[in-house]
């Protein structure tokens, strides 16, 4: 039904003296408080921490502990002795090795003024928090891959260790680290610590270039 009258769309205008941009800002602001942002950040980090052990790929490369050091048996080979009536067998003990686990702190900062939080849109704050969460994820994955490819020892306070505490590389030979690891014997086979436990590619050096060759067997990887 069409009504005819004096008022039309031409009258739906912003009047002189009214700031349309300021009105839009007031309409869109969410009035977030500092506690609101803290709760959002806490929920985001909580979800990230809960997902560390659930990822099908990354979870296969890690294990969790609440200890600052790790102890493990090395190169143990045990046999039994014939029993005699008047003698006792020689006592045995497992040989152990161990190393420190580096505890290094990382930091990331987001900052807003109190006035900004009062006037801000939650979508903008969420974008800042997601960027920070992405930095946490990237740092965690980079640290994991770097430790996986580490061949020598880490030490010193800059690496989250003391002057004498060692965090050895992954499955390296005795010549590359101060902590020798000899796997316990298995199936009648005894092992030593005089060789690398990496796949024997490019002279045994498992580097990023090796991963590139494995992923892209063509002469060169794709551009993107």
N, C-alpha and C. Protein backbone atom coordinates (compact mmCIF):
# COMPACT_ATOMS: atom_id res chain seq x y z
N UNK A 1 0.86 -1.19 0.00
CA UNK A 1 0.00 0.00 0.00
C UNK A 1 0.89 1.23 0.00
N UNK A 2 0.73 2.12 -0.86
CA UNK A 2 1.53 3.33 -1.00
C UNK A 2 0.79 4.51 -0.41
N UNK A 3 1.51 5.21 0.47
CA UNK A 3 0.95 6.41 1.06
C UNK A 3 1.65 7.62 0.48
N UNK A 4 0.91 8.62 0.19
CA UNK A 4 1.46 9.86 -0.34
C UNK A 4 1.48 10.90 0.76
N UNK A 5 2.65 11.53 0.92
CA UNK A 5 2.72 12.55 1.97
C UNK A 5 3.89 13.47 1.73
N UNK A 6 4.13 14.32 2.72
CA UNK A 6 5.19 15.30 2.58
C UNK A 6 6.58 14.73 2.88
N UNK A 7 6.68 13.71 3.77
CA UNK A 7 7.96 13.14 4.15
C UNK A 7 8.38 12.08 3.14
N UNK A 8 9.70 12.11 2.72
CA UNK A 8 10.22 11.14 1.76
C UNK A 8 11.66 10.81 2.17
N UNK A 9 12.29 9.91 1.39
CA UNK A 9 13.67 9.52 1.68
C UNK A 9 14.63 10.68 1.66
N UNK A 10 14.32 11.69 0.93
CA UNK A 10 15.18 12.86 0.86
C UNK A 10 15.32 13.54 2.21
N UNK A 11 14.36 13.29 3.09
CA UNK A 11 14.42 13.91 4.41
C UNK A 11 15.26 13.11 5.41
N UNK A 12 15.69 11.87 5.05
CA UNK A 12 16.46 11.01 5.95
C UNK A 12 17.94 11.35 5.83
N UNK A 13 18.36 12.45 6.42
CA UNK A 13 19.72 12.96 6.29
C UNK A 13 20.28 13.28 7.66
N UNK A 14 21.61 13.37 7.72
CA UNK A 14 22.28 13.84 8.93
C UNK A 14 22.23 15.36 8.93
N UNK A 15 21.68 15.91 9.97
CA UNK A 15 21.48 17.34 10.01
C UNK A 15 22.79 18.08 10.20
N UNK A 16 22.80 19.30 9.78
CA UNK A 16 23.98 20.14 9.92
C UNK A 16 24.33 20.30 11.40
N UNK A 17 25.63 20.14 11.69
CA UNK A 17 26.08 20.26 13.07
C UNK A 17 26.18 18.93 13.79
N UNK A 18 25.80 17.84 13.16
CA UNK A 18 25.89 16.50 13.76
C UNK A 18 27.03 15.74 13.08
N UNK A 19 27.96 15.19 13.89
CA UNK A 19 29.12 14.44 13.38
C UNK A 19 28.73 12.98 13.22
N UNK A 20 28.52 12.56 11.99
CA UNK A 20 28.08 11.19 11.72
C UNK A 20 29.16 10.18 12.12
N UNK A 21 30.45 10.51 11.91
CA UNK A 21 31.53 9.58 12.27
C UNK A 21 31.56 9.35 13.77
N UNK A 22 31.39 10.39 14.57
CA UNK A 22 31.40 10.26 16.02
C UNK A 22 30.21 9.41 16.49
N UNK A 23 29.06 9.63 15.90
CA UNK A 23 27.90 8.81 16.25
C UNK A 23 28.14 7.34 15.95
N UNK A 24 28.81 7.05 14.82
CA UNK A 24 29.11 5.67 14.46
C UNK A 24 30.05 5.03 15.47
N UNK A 25 31.06 5.78 15.90
CA UNK A 25 32.00 5.26 16.89
C UNK A 25 31.30 4.92 18.20
N UNK A 26 30.42 5.77 18.64
CA UNK A 26 29.69 5.51 19.87
C UNK A 26 28.77 4.30 19.72
N UNK A 27 28.20 4.17 18.53
CA UNK A 27 27.27 3.05 18.31
C UNK A 27 28.01 1.72 18.29
N UNK A 28 29.24 1.71 17.76
CA UNK A 28 29.98 0.46 17.60
C UNK A 28 30.84 0.09 18.80
N UNK A 29 31.11 1.02 19.70
CA UNK A 29 32.00 0.70 20.80
C UNK A 29 31.34 -0.32 21.73
N UNK A 30 32.19 -1.21 22.31
CA UNK A 30 31.68 -2.29 23.15
C UNK A 30 31.89 -2.04 24.63
N UNK A 31 32.66 -1.00 24.99
CA UNK A 31 32.86 -0.71 26.39
C UNK A 31 33.60 -1.82 27.13
N UNK A 32 34.59 -2.41 26.49
CA UNK A 32 35.35 -3.50 27.09
C UNK A 32 36.13 -3.00 28.29
N UNK A 33 36.25 -3.85 29.30
CA UNK A 33 37.06 -3.53 30.47
C UNK A 33 38.35 -4.34 30.43
N UNK A 34 39.28 -3.97 31.29
CA UNK A 34 40.55 -4.71 31.37
C UNK A 34 40.29 -6.16 31.73
N UNK A 35 39.35 -6.42 32.65
CA UNK A 35 39.04 -7.79 33.04
C UNK A 35 38.46 -8.59 31.89
N UNK A 36 37.67 -7.93 31.04
CA UNK A 36 37.14 -8.61 29.86
C UNK A 36 38.27 -9.11 28.96
N UNK A 37 39.27 -8.25 28.75
CA UNK A 37 40.40 -8.61 27.89
C UNK A 37 41.22 -9.72 28.52
N UNK A 38 41.45 -9.64 29.84
CA UNK A 38 42.19 -10.69 30.54
C UNK A 38 41.47 -12.03 30.41
N UNK A 39 40.16 -12.03 30.55
CA UNK A 39 39.40 -13.27 30.42
C UNK A 39 39.50 -13.84 29.01
N UNK A 40 39.48 -12.96 28.01
CA UNK A 40 39.59 -13.42 26.63
C UNK A 40 40.97 -14.02 26.37
N UNK A 41 42.02 -13.36 26.87
CA UNK A 41 43.38 -13.87 26.69
C UNK A 41 43.56 -15.18 27.43
N UNK A 42 43.02 -15.29 28.63
CA UNK A 42 43.13 -16.52 29.41
C UNK A 42 42.44 -17.68 28.70
N UNK A 43 41.28 -17.42 28.13
CA UNK A 43 40.56 -18.47 27.41
C UNK A 43 41.33 -18.91 26.17
N UNK A 44 41.94 -17.95 25.46
CA UNK A 44 42.70 -18.28 24.26
C UNK A 44 43.92 -19.13 24.59
N UNK A 45 44.68 -18.73 25.61
CA UNK A 45 45.87 -19.49 26.00
C UNK A 45 45.49 -20.85 26.58
N UNK A 46 44.39 -20.90 27.31
CA UNK A 46 43.94 -22.18 27.85
C UNK A 46 43.59 -23.16 26.75
N UNK A 47 42.91 -22.66 25.72
CA UNK A 47 42.60 -23.53 24.59
C UNK A 47 43.84 -24.00 23.86
N UNK A 48 44.84 -23.09 23.74
CA UNK A 48 46.08 -23.47 23.07
C UNK A 48 46.82 -24.54 23.86
N UNK A 49 46.95 -24.35 25.17
CA UNK A 49 47.65 -25.34 26.00
C UNK A 49 46.94 -26.69 25.98
N UNK A 50 45.62 -26.67 26.00
CA UNK A 50 44.87 -27.93 25.97
C UNK A 50 45.06 -28.67 24.65
N UNK A 51 45.32 -27.90 23.58
CA UNK A 51 45.47 -28.54 22.28
C UNK A 51 46.87 -29.02 21.96
N UNK A 52 47.86 -28.73 22.85
CA UNK A 52 49.25 -29.13 22.57
C UNK A 52 49.36 -30.64 22.39
N UNK A 53 48.67 -31.39 23.22
CA UNK A 53 48.80 -32.83 23.15
C UNK A 53 47.79 -33.50 22.25
N UNK A 54 46.96 -32.73 21.57
CA UNK A 54 45.91 -33.31 20.74
C UNK A 54 46.21 -33.25 19.25
N UNK A 55 47.17 -32.42 18.85
CA UNK A 55 47.51 -32.32 17.44
C UNK A 55 48.15 -33.63 16.98
N UNK A 56 47.67 -34.24 15.89
CA UNK A 56 48.18 -35.55 15.47
C UNK A 56 49.64 -35.55 15.10
N UNK A 57 50.19 -34.41 14.64
CA UNK A 57 51.60 -34.37 14.26
C UNK A 57 52.48 -33.92 15.41
N UNK A 58 52.21 -32.72 15.96
CA UNK A 58 53.08 -32.16 16.97
C UNK A 58 53.08 -32.97 18.25
N UNK A 59 51.96 -33.58 18.60
CA UNK A 59 51.91 -34.36 19.83
C UNK A 59 52.80 -35.60 19.75
N UNK A 60 53.10 -36.06 18.52
CA UNK A 60 53.97 -37.24 18.39
C UNK A 60 55.43 -36.90 18.63
N UNK A 61 55.78 -35.62 18.73
CA UNK A 61 57.16 -35.20 18.91
C UNK A 61 57.48 -34.74 20.33
N UNK A 62 56.50 -34.76 21.21
CA UNK A 62 56.71 -34.21 22.54
C UNK A 62 56.23 -35.18 23.61
N UNK A 63 56.71 -34.96 24.81
CA UNK A 63 56.17 -35.59 26.01
C UNK A 63 56.21 -34.55 27.12
N UNK A 64 55.45 -34.75 28.16
CA UNK A 64 55.31 -33.75 29.21
C UNK A 64 55.90 -34.27 30.52
N UNK A 65 56.53 -33.38 31.28
CA UNK A 65 57.07 -33.72 32.59
C UNK A 65 57.05 -32.48 33.46
N UNK A 66 57.02 -32.68 34.77
CA UNK A 66 57.11 -31.56 35.71
C UNK A 66 58.48 -31.51 36.37
N UNK A 67 59.45 -32.27 35.84
CA UNK A 67 60.80 -32.30 36.39
C UNK A 67 61.73 -31.40 35.59
N UNK A 68 62.81 -30.94 36.24
CA UNK A 68 63.80 -30.10 35.57
C UNK A 68 64.92 -30.91 34.94
N UNK A 69 64.95 -32.20 35.21
CA UNK A 69 65.97 -33.06 34.63
C UNK A 69 65.33 -34.37 34.19
N UNK A 70 66.09 -35.12 33.40
CA UNK A 70 65.57 -36.39 32.90
C UNK A 70 66.64 -37.46 33.10
N UNK A 71 66.27 -38.60 33.68
CA UNK A 71 67.18 -39.70 33.94
C UNK A 71 66.69 -40.93 33.17
N UNK A 72 67.63 -41.71 32.65
CA UNK A 72 67.25 -42.85 31.83
C UNK A 72 68.34 -43.91 31.86
N UNK A 73 67.97 -45.19 31.67
CA UNK A 73 68.98 -46.26 31.63
C UNK A 73 69.70 -46.27 30.29
N UNK A 74 70.97 -46.64 30.32
CA UNK A 74 71.75 -46.68 29.09
C UNK A 74 72.50 -48.01 28.99
N UNK A 75 72.57 -48.57 27.81
CA UNK A 75 73.45 -49.67 27.46
C UNK A 75 73.47 -50.84 28.41
N UNK A 76 72.38 -51.12 29.09
CA UNK A 76 72.37 -52.21 30.06
C UNK A 76 72.21 -53.56 29.37
N UNK A 77 73.09 -54.51 29.69
CA UNK A 77 73.00 -55.88 29.20
C UNK A 77 73.08 -56.81 30.40
N UNK A 78 72.08 -57.60 30.61
CA UNK A 78 72.02 -58.46 31.80
C UNK A 78 71.98 -59.93 31.41
N UNK A 79 72.67 -60.75 32.16
CA UNK A 79 72.64 -62.20 31.97
C UNK A 79 72.53 -62.86 33.33
N UNK A 80 72.11 -64.08 33.35
CA UNK A 80 72.03 -64.86 34.59
C UNK A 80 73.25 -65.76 34.72
N UNK A 81 73.57 -66.14 35.95
CA UNK A 81 74.70 -67.00 36.23
C UNK A 81 74.21 -68.37 36.70
N UNK A 82 75.00 -69.40 36.44
CA UNK A 82 74.62 -70.72 36.94
C UNK A 82 74.53 -70.74 38.47
N UNK A 83 73.55 -71.38 38.98
CA UNK A 83 73.36 -71.47 40.43
C UNK A 83 74.28 -72.53 41.02
N UNK A 84 74.88 -72.18 42.16
CA UNK A 84 75.64 -73.16 42.94
C UNK A 84 75.15 -73.12 44.37
N UNK A 85 75.41 -74.17 45.10
CA UNK A 85 74.84 -74.30 46.43
C UNK A 85 75.43 -73.30 47.43
N UNK A 86 76.73 -73.02 47.32
CA UNK A 86 77.41 -72.25 48.35
C UNK A 86 77.89 -70.87 47.90
N UNK A 87 77.44 -70.43 46.77
CA UNK A 87 77.86 -69.11 46.31
C UNK A 87 76.66 -68.26 45.92
N UNK A 88 76.89 -66.96 45.89
CA UNK A 88 75.84 -66.02 45.50
C UNK A 88 76.25 -65.37 44.19
N UNK A 89 75.28 -65.05 43.31
CA UNK A 89 75.63 -64.37 42.05
C UNK A 89 76.11 -62.95 42.32
N UNK A 90 76.87 -62.43 41.39
CA UNK A 90 77.35 -61.05 41.52
C UNK A 90 76.18 -60.08 41.46
N UNK A 91 76.15 -59.07 42.35
CA UNK A 91 75.06 -58.09 42.29
C UNK A 91 75.17 -57.22 41.04
N UNK A 92 74.04 -56.84 40.53
CA UNK A 92 73.99 -56.04 39.31
C UNK A 92 73.26 -54.73 39.59
N UNK A 93 73.56 -53.72 38.78
CA UNK A 93 72.83 -52.45 38.87
C UNK A 93 72.72 -51.85 37.47
N UNK A 94 71.68 -51.12 37.26
CA UNK A 94 71.47 -50.47 35.97
C UNK A 94 72.34 -49.23 35.87
N UNK A 95 72.91 -49.02 34.70
CA UNK A 95 73.67 -47.80 34.45
C UNK A 95 72.70 -46.71 34.00
N UNK A 96 72.94 -45.52 34.53
CA UNK A 96 72.02 -44.41 34.26
C UNK A 96 72.77 -43.24 33.64
N UNK A 97 72.05 -42.44 32.90
CA UNK A 97 72.55 -41.16 32.37
C UNK A 97 71.42 -40.14 32.55
N UNK A 98 71.74 -38.88 32.32
CA UNK A 98 70.70 -37.87 32.46
C UNK A 98 71.18 -36.52 31.96
N UNK A 99 70.24 -35.63 31.81
CA UNK A 99 70.58 -34.28 31.39
C UNK A 99 69.50 -33.32 31.88
N UNK A 100 69.81 -32.04 31.78
CA UNK A 100 68.87 -31.00 32.19
C UNK A 100 67.87 -30.71 31.08
N UNK A 101 66.75 -30.14 31.46
CA UNK A 101 65.76 -29.67 30.51
C UNK A 101 65.76 -28.14 30.57
N UNK A 102 66.01 -27.46 29.47
CA UNK A 102 66.11 -26.00 29.50
C UNK A 102 64.77 -25.34 29.82
N UNK A 103 64.82 -24.38 30.71
CA UNK A 103 63.64 -23.59 31.07
C UNK A 103 63.93 -22.14 30.70
N UNK A 104 63.55 -21.78 29.50
CA UNK A 104 63.80 -20.44 29.01
C UNK A 104 62.49 -19.69 28.84
N UNK A 105 62.43 -18.47 29.35
CA UNK A 105 61.22 -17.68 29.27
C UNK A 105 61.17 -16.88 27.97
N UNK A 106 59.97 -16.77 27.43
CA UNK A 106 59.75 -15.95 26.26
C UNK A 106 58.65 -14.95 26.59
N UNK A 107 58.67 -13.81 25.94
CA UNK A 107 57.73 -12.74 26.26
C UNK A 107 57.09 -12.19 24.99
N UNK A 108 55.89 -11.69 25.16
CA UNK A 108 55.16 -11.01 24.08
C UNK A 108 54.23 -10.01 24.74
N UNK A 109 54.12 -8.84 24.17
CA UNK A 109 53.37 -7.78 24.83
C UNK A 109 52.31 -7.19 23.91
N UNK A 110 51.13 -7.00 24.47
CA UNK A 110 50.06 -6.23 23.85
C UNK A 110 49.70 -5.11 24.81
N UNK A 111 49.40 -3.94 24.29
CA UNK A 111 49.09 -2.83 25.18
C UNK A 111 47.96 -1.96 24.68
N UNK A 112 47.07 -1.59 25.61
CA UNK A 112 45.98 -0.68 25.29
C UNK A 112 45.85 0.31 26.44
N UNK A 113 45.46 1.51 26.14
CA UNK A 113 45.16 2.45 27.21
C UNK A 113 43.77 2.17 27.75
N UNK A 114 43.53 2.64 28.95
CA UNK A 114 42.21 2.45 29.55
C UNK A 114 41.13 3.14 28.73
N UNK A 115 41.45 4.32 28.21
CA UNK A 115 40.48 5.03 27.39
C UNK A 115 40.17 4.25 26.11
N UNK A 116 41.21 3.62 25.53
CA UNK A 116 40.99 2.86 24.30
C UNK A 116 40.05 1.68 24.57
N UNK A 117 40.27 0.98 25.68
CA UNK A 117 39.42 -0.16 25.98
C UNK A 117 37.96 0.26 26.14
N UNK A 118 37.76 1.43 26.70
CA UNK A 118 36.39 1.92 26.88
C UNK A 118 35.72 2.21 25.54
N UNK A 119 36.50 2.66 24.58
CA UNK A 119 35.94 3.04 23.29
C UNK A 119 36.12 1.96 22.22
N UNK A 120 36.89 0.91 22.49
CA UNK A 120 37.28 -0.04 21.44
C UNK A 120 36.15 -0.98 21.05
N UNK A 121 36.34 -1.57 19.89
CA UNK A 121 35.47 -2.64 19.42
C UNK A 121 36.12 -3.97 19.78
N UNK A 122 35.34 -4.94 20.25
CA UNK A 122 35.88 -6.23 20.64
C UNK A 122 36.52 -6.96 19.47
N UNK A 123 36.04 -6.69 18.26
CA UNK A 123 36.63 -7.36 17.09
C UNK A 123 38.09 -6.95 16.92
N UNK A 124 38.42 -5.66 17.22
CA UNK A 124 39.80 -5.21 17.13
C UNK A 124 40.66 -5.84 18.22
N UNK A 125 40.12 -5.94 19.43
CA UNK A 125 40.86 -6.56 20.52
C UNK A 125 41.09 -8.03 20.25
N UNK A 126 40.09 -8.70 19.71
CA UNK A 126 40.23 -10.12 19.37
C UNK A 126 41.32 -10.33 18.34
N UNK A 127 41.42 -9.41 17.37
CA UNK A 127 42.46 -9.51 16.35
C UNK A 127 43.84 -9.40 16.99
N UNK A 128 44.00 -8.47 17.96
CA UNK A 128 45.28 -8.35 18.66
C UNK A 128 45.62 -9.63 19.42
N UNK A 129 44.63 -10.19 20.11
CA UNK A 129 44.86 -11.41 20.89
C UNK A 129 45.20 -12.59 19.98
N UNK A 130 44.54 -12.69 18.85
CA UNK A 130 44.83 -13.78 17.92
C UNK A 130 46.24 -13.65 17.35
N UNK A 131 46.69 -12.42 17.12
CA UNK A 131 48.06 -12.22 16.65
C UNK A 131 49.06 -12.69 17.71
N UNK A 132 48.79 -12.36 18.98
CA UNK A 132 49.65 -12.82 20.05
C UNK A 132 49.65 -14.33 20.19
N UNK A 133 48.48 -14.94 20.05
CA UNK A 133 48.38 -16.40 20.13
C UNK A 133 49.14 -17.06 19.00
N UNK A 134 49.13 -16.44 17.83
CA UNK A 134 49.89 -16.97 16.70
C UNK A 134 51.39 -16.90 16.98
N UNK A 135 51.83 -15.84 17.67
CA UNK A 135 53.24 -15.73 18.05
C UNK A 135 53.63 -16.84 19.02
N UNK A 136 52.75 -17.15 19.96
CA UNK A 136 53.00 -18.25 20.90
C UNK A 136 53.12 -19.57 20.15
N UNK A 137 52.21 -19.82 19.23
CA UNK A 137 52.22 -21.07 18.47
C UNK A 137 53.49 -21.19 17.62
N UNK A 138 53.88 -20.11 16.96
CA UNK A 138 55.08 -20.14 16.12
C UNK A 138 56.33 -20.38 16.96
N UNK A 139 56.42 -19.71 18.11
CA UNK A 139 57.60 -19.88 18.98
C UNK A 139 57.70 -21.32 19.47
N UNK A 140 56.59 -21.90 19.86
CA UNK A 140 56.58 -23.27 20.37
C UNK A 140 57.00 -24.26 19.29
N UNK A 141 56.49 -24.10 18.09
CA UNK A 141 56.83 -25.02 17.01
C UNK A 141 58.28 -24.84 16.57
N UNK A 142 58.74 -23.59 16.50
CA UNK A 142 60.13 -23.36 16.12
C UNK A 142 61.08 -23.97 17.15
N UNK A 143 60.80 -23.80 18.43
CA UNK A 143 61.65 -24.37 19.47
C UNK A 143 61.68 -25.89 19.38
N UNK A 144 60.55 -26.49 19.10
CA UNK A 144 60.48 -27.94 19.00
C UNK A 144 61.31 -28.46 17.83
N UNK A 145 61.19 -27.83 16.67
CA UNK A 145 61.95 -28.27 15.51
C UNK A 145 63.44 -28.01 15.68
N UNK A 146 63.79 -26.88 16.31
CA UNK A 146 65.20 -26.59 16.53
C UNK A 146 65.84 -27.61 17.47
N UNK A 147 65.12 -28.02 18.49
CA UNK A 147 65.65 -29.05 19.39
C UNK A 147 65.74 -30.39 18.70
N UNK A 148 64.82 -30.65 17.82
CA UNK A 148 64.83 -31.92 17.09
C UNK A 148 66.06 -32.04 16.21
N UNK A 149 66.52 -30.93 15.65
CA UNK A 149 67.67 -30.94 14.75
C UNK A 149 68.97 -30.56 15.46
N UNK A 150 68.92 -30.29 16.77
CA UNK A 150 70.11 -29.90 17.52
C UNK A 150 71.07 -31.07 17.65
N UNK A 151 72.36 -30.82 17.34
CA UNK A 151 73.34 -31.89 17.42
C UNK A 151 74.26 -31.74 18.63
N UNK A 152 74.68 -30.55 18.94
CA UNK A 152 75.57 -30.33 20.07
C UNK A 152 74.81 -30.04 21.35
N UNK A 153 75.56 -29.64 22.40
CA UNK A 153 74.97 -29.35 23.70
C UNK A 153 74.51 -27.89 23.79
N UNK A 154 73.54 -27.68 24.62
CA UNK A 154 73.15 -26.33 25.05
C UNK A 154 73.52 -26.19 26.52
N UNK A 155 74.00 -25.02 26.90
CA UNK A 155 74.34 -24.75 28.28
C UNK A 155 74.29 -23.25 28.50
N UNK A 156 74.42 -22.84 29.75
CA UNK A 156 74.44 -21.43 30.07
C UNK A 156 73.07 -20.87 30.39
N UNK A 157 73.05 -19.77 31.15
CA UNK A 157 71.79 -19.17 31.59
C UNK A 157 70.97 -18.63 30.43
N UNK A 158 71.64 -18.24 29.33
CA UNK A 158 70.90 -17.69 28.20
C UNK A 158 70.00 -18.75 27.58
N UNK A 159 70.32 -20.02 27.77
CA UNK A 159 69.52 -21.12 27.25
C UNK A 159 68.66 -21.76 28.33
N UNK A 160 68.52 -21.09 29.47
CA UNK A 160 67.70 -21.63 30.55
C UNK A 160 68.39 -22.72 31.33
N UNK A 161 69.74 -22.73 31.33
CA UNK A 161 70.52 -23.75 32.03
C UNK A 161 71.61 -23.07 32.86
N UNK A 162 72.22 -23.83 33.76
CA UNK A 162 73.34 -23.30 34.53
C UNK A 162 74.61 -23.42 33.71
N UNK A 163 75.74 -23.05 34.33
CA UNK A 163 77.01 -23.10 33.62
C UNK A 163 77.44 -24.53 33.32
N UNK A 164 77.03 -25.49 34.17
CA UNK A 164 77.45 -26.88 34.00
C UNK A 164 76.34 -27.80 33.54
N UNK A 165 75.10 -27.37 33.62
CA UNK A 165 73.99 -28.20 33.16
C UNK A 165 73.97 -28.29 31.65
N UNK A 166 73.73 -29.49 31.13
CA UNK A 166 73.74 -29.72 29.70
C UNK A 166 72.37 -30.19 29.22
N UNK A 167 72.00 -29.70 28.06
CA UNK A 167 70.83 -30.20 27.34
C UNK A 167 71.31 -30.67 25.98
N UNK A 168 71.54 -31.99 25.81
CA UNK A 168 72.17 -32.48 24.58
C UNK A 168 71.21 -32.47 23.41
N UNK A 169 71.79 -32.56 22.23
CA UNK A 169 70.99 -32.67 21.02
C UNK A 169 70.30 -34.02 20.94
N UNK A 170 69.49 -34.17 19.95
CA UNK A 170 68.68 -35.37 19.82
C UNK A 170 69.49 -36.49 19.17
N UNK A 171 69.68 -37.60 19.90
CA UNK A 171 70.30 -38.81 19.36
C UNK A 171 71.61 -38.52 18.64
N UNK A 172 72.52 -37.83 19.31
CA UNK A 172 73.79 -37.49 18.70
C UNK A 172 74.88 -38.42 19.19
N UNK A 173 75.99 -38.46 18.44
CA UNK A 173 77.11 -39.30 18.81
C UNK A 173 77.90 -38.69 19.96
N UNK A 174 78.74 -39.50 20.60
CA UNK A 174 79.52 -39.05 21.74
C UNK A 174 80.41 -37.86 21.39
N UNK A 175 80.85 -37.80 20.14
CA UNK A 175 81.73 -36.71 19.74
C UNK A 175 81.01 -35.37 19.69
N UNK A 176 79.68 -35.36 19.66
CA UNK A 176 78.91 -34.13 19.51
C UNK A 176 78.33 -33.61 20.82
N UNK A 177 78.40 -34.39 21.89
CA UNK A 177 77.74 -34.00 23.12
C UNK A 177 78.51 -34.51 24.32
N UNK A 178 78.34 -33.86 25.46
CA UNK A 178 78.97 -34.30 26.70
C UNK A 178 78.17 -35.34 27.43
N UNK A 179 76.98 -35.67 26.95
CA UNK A 179 76.14 -36.69 27.58
C UNK A 179 75.94 -37.82 26.59
N UNK A 180 76.61 -38.93 26.82
CA UNK A 180 76.51 -40.08 25.91
C UNK A 180 75.26 -40.88 26.22
N UNK A 181 74.55 -41.26 25.18
CA UNK A 181 73.37 -42.11 25.35
C UNK A 181 73.57 -43.39 24.55
N UNK A 182 73.59 -44.51 25.25
CA UNK A 182 73.66 -45.81 24.60
C UNK A 182 72.34 -46.52 24.85
N UNK A 183 71.55 -46.82 23.83
CA UNK A 183 70.28 -47.49 24.06
C UNK A 183 70.48 -48.83 24.73
N UNK A 184 69.59 -49.23 25.63
CA UNK A 184 69.69 -50.56 26.23
C UNK A 184 69.64 -51.63 25.14
N UNK A 185 70.30 -52.75 25.40
CA UNK A 185 70.32 -53.83 24.42
C UNK A 185 68.91 -54.33 24.15
N UNK A 186 68.71 -54.78 22.94
CA UNK A 186 67.38 -55.24 22.54
C UNK A 186 67.54 -56.44 21.61
N UNK A 187 66.83 -57.51 21.91
CA UNK A 187 66.87 -58.70 21.06
C UNK A 187 68.25 -59.29 20.92
N UNK A 188 69.06 -59.18 21.98
CA UNK A 188 70.41 -59.72 21.92
C UNK A 188 71.41 -58.82 21.23
N UNK A 189 71.00 -57.64 20.82
CA UNK A 189 71.90 -56.70 20.14
C UNK A 189 72.33 -55.60 21.10
N UNK A 190 73.62 -55.37 21.21
CA UNK A 190 74.16 -54.29 22.04
C UNK A 190 74.46 -53.08 21.18
N UNK A 191 74.23 -51.90 21.71
CA UNK A 191 74.42 -50.67 20.96
C UNK A 191 75.58 -49.88 21.55
N UNK A 192 76.07 -48.91 20.80
CA UNK A 192 77.13 -48.02 21.26
C UNK A 192 76.70 -46.57 21.04
N UNK A 193 77.53 -45.64 21.53
CA UNK A 193 77.25 -44.21 21.37
C UNK A 193 78.21 -43.55 20.40
N UNK A 194 78.79 -44.34 19.50
CA UNK A 194 79.81 -43.79 18.61
C UNK A 194 79.29 -43.47 17.23
N UNK A 195 77.98 -43.36 17.06
CA UNK A 195 77.43 -43.03 15.75
C UNK A 195 76.17 -42.19 15.92
N UNK A 196 75.82 -41.45 14.89
CA UNK A 196 74.60 -40.65 14.90
C UNK A 196 73.38 -41.56 14.70
N UNK A 197 72.28 -41.16 15.29
CA UNK A 197 71.06 -41.92 15.16
C UNK A 197 70.09 -41.29 14.18
N UNK A 198 70.62 -40.44 13.30
CA UNK A 198 69.79 -39.85 12.26
C UNK A 198 69.80 -40.76 11.04
N UNK A 199 68.85 -40.52 10.14
CA UNK A 199 68.87 -41.23 8.87
C UNK A 199 70.13 -40.82 8.11
N UNK A 200 70.80 -41.79 7.54
CA UNK A 200 72.07 -41.52 6.87
C UNK A 200 71.85 -40.84 5.52
N UNK A 201 71.54 -39.56 5.56
CA UNK A 201 71.35 -38.76 4.35
C UNK A 201 72.35 -37.61 4.40
N UNK A 202 72.99 -37.33 3.28
CA UNK A 202 73.95 -36.23 3.19
C UNK A 202 75.01 -36.34 4.28
N UNK A 203 75.59 -37.53 4.38
CA UNK A 203 76.64 -37.73 5.37
C UNK A 203 76.13 -37.82 6.79
N UNK A 204 74.85 -38.12 6.96
CA UNK A 204 74.28 -38.25 8.30
C UNK A 204 73.79 -36.94 8.86
N UNK A 205 73.92 -35.85 8.14
CA UNK A 205 73.48 -34.54 8.63
C UNK A 205 72.03 -34.32 8.27
N UNK A 206 71.17 -34.38 9.26
CA UNK A 206 69.74 -34.20 9.04
C UNK A 206 69.44 -32.71 9.19
N UNK A 207 69.42 -31.99 8.09
CA UNK A 207 69.23 -30.54 8.11
C UNK A 207 67.91 -30.17 7.44
N UNK A 208 67.62 -28.86 7.46
CA UNK A 208 66.41 -28.38 6.79
C UNK A 208 66.45 -28.69 5.30
N UNK A 209 67.66 -28.66 4.71
CA UNK A 209 67.79 -28.97 3.29
C UNK A 209 67.40 -30.41 3.00
N UNK A 210 67.70 -31.31 3.95
CA UNK A 210 67.31 -32.70 3.78
C UNK A 210 65.79 -32.83 3.78
N UNK A 211 65.14 -32.10 4.69
CA UNK A 211 63.68 -32.13 4.69
C UNK A 211 63.12 -31.62 3.37
N UNK A 212 63.74 -30.60 2.80
CA UNK A 212 63.28 -30.07 1.52
C UNK A 212 63.40 -31.13 0.44
N UNK A 213 64.51 -31.86 0.45
CA UNK A 213 64.69 -32.92 -0.55
C UNK A 213 63.66 -34.03 -0.38
N UNK A 214 63.33 -34.33 0.89
CA UNK A 214 62.36 -35.39 1.13
C UNK A 214 60.96 -34.97 0.70
N UNK A 215 60.64 -33.68 0.93
CA UNK A 215 59.30 -33.19 0.59
C UNK A 215 59.16 -32.94 -0.90
N UNK A 216 60.26 -32.46 -1.54
CA UNK A 216 60.21 -32.11 -2.95
C UNK A 216 61.32 -32.86 -3.69
N UNK A 217 61.08 -34.09 -4.12
CA UNK A 217 62.14 -34.86 -4.78
C UNK A 217 62.52 -34.31 -6.14
N UNK A 218 61.77 -33.33 -6.67
CA UNK A 218 62.12 -32.73 -7.94
C UNK A 218 63.38 -31.90 -7.80
N UNK A 219 64.01 -31.45 -8.88
CA UNK A 219 65.26 -30.68 -8.77
C UNK A 219 65.17 -29.45 -7.89
N UNK A 220 64.01 -28.83 -7.80
CA UNK A 220 63.87 -27.67 -6.94
C UNK A 220 62.46 -27.61 -6.41
N UNK A 221 62.29 -27.06 -5.19
CA UNK A 221 60.95 -26.96 -4.61
C UNK A 221 60.09 -25.95 -5.38
N UNK A 222 58.78 -26.07 -5.26
CA UNK A 222 57.90 -25.09 -5.93
C UNK A 222 58.11 -23.70 -5.37
N UNK A 223 57.73 -22.70 -6.12
CA UNK A 223 57.91 -21.31 -5.72
C UNK A 223 57.02 -20.92 -4.56
N UNK A 224 55.91 -21.57 -4.42
CA UNK A 224 54.99 -21.20 -3.36
C UNK A 224 54.36 -22.42 -2.75
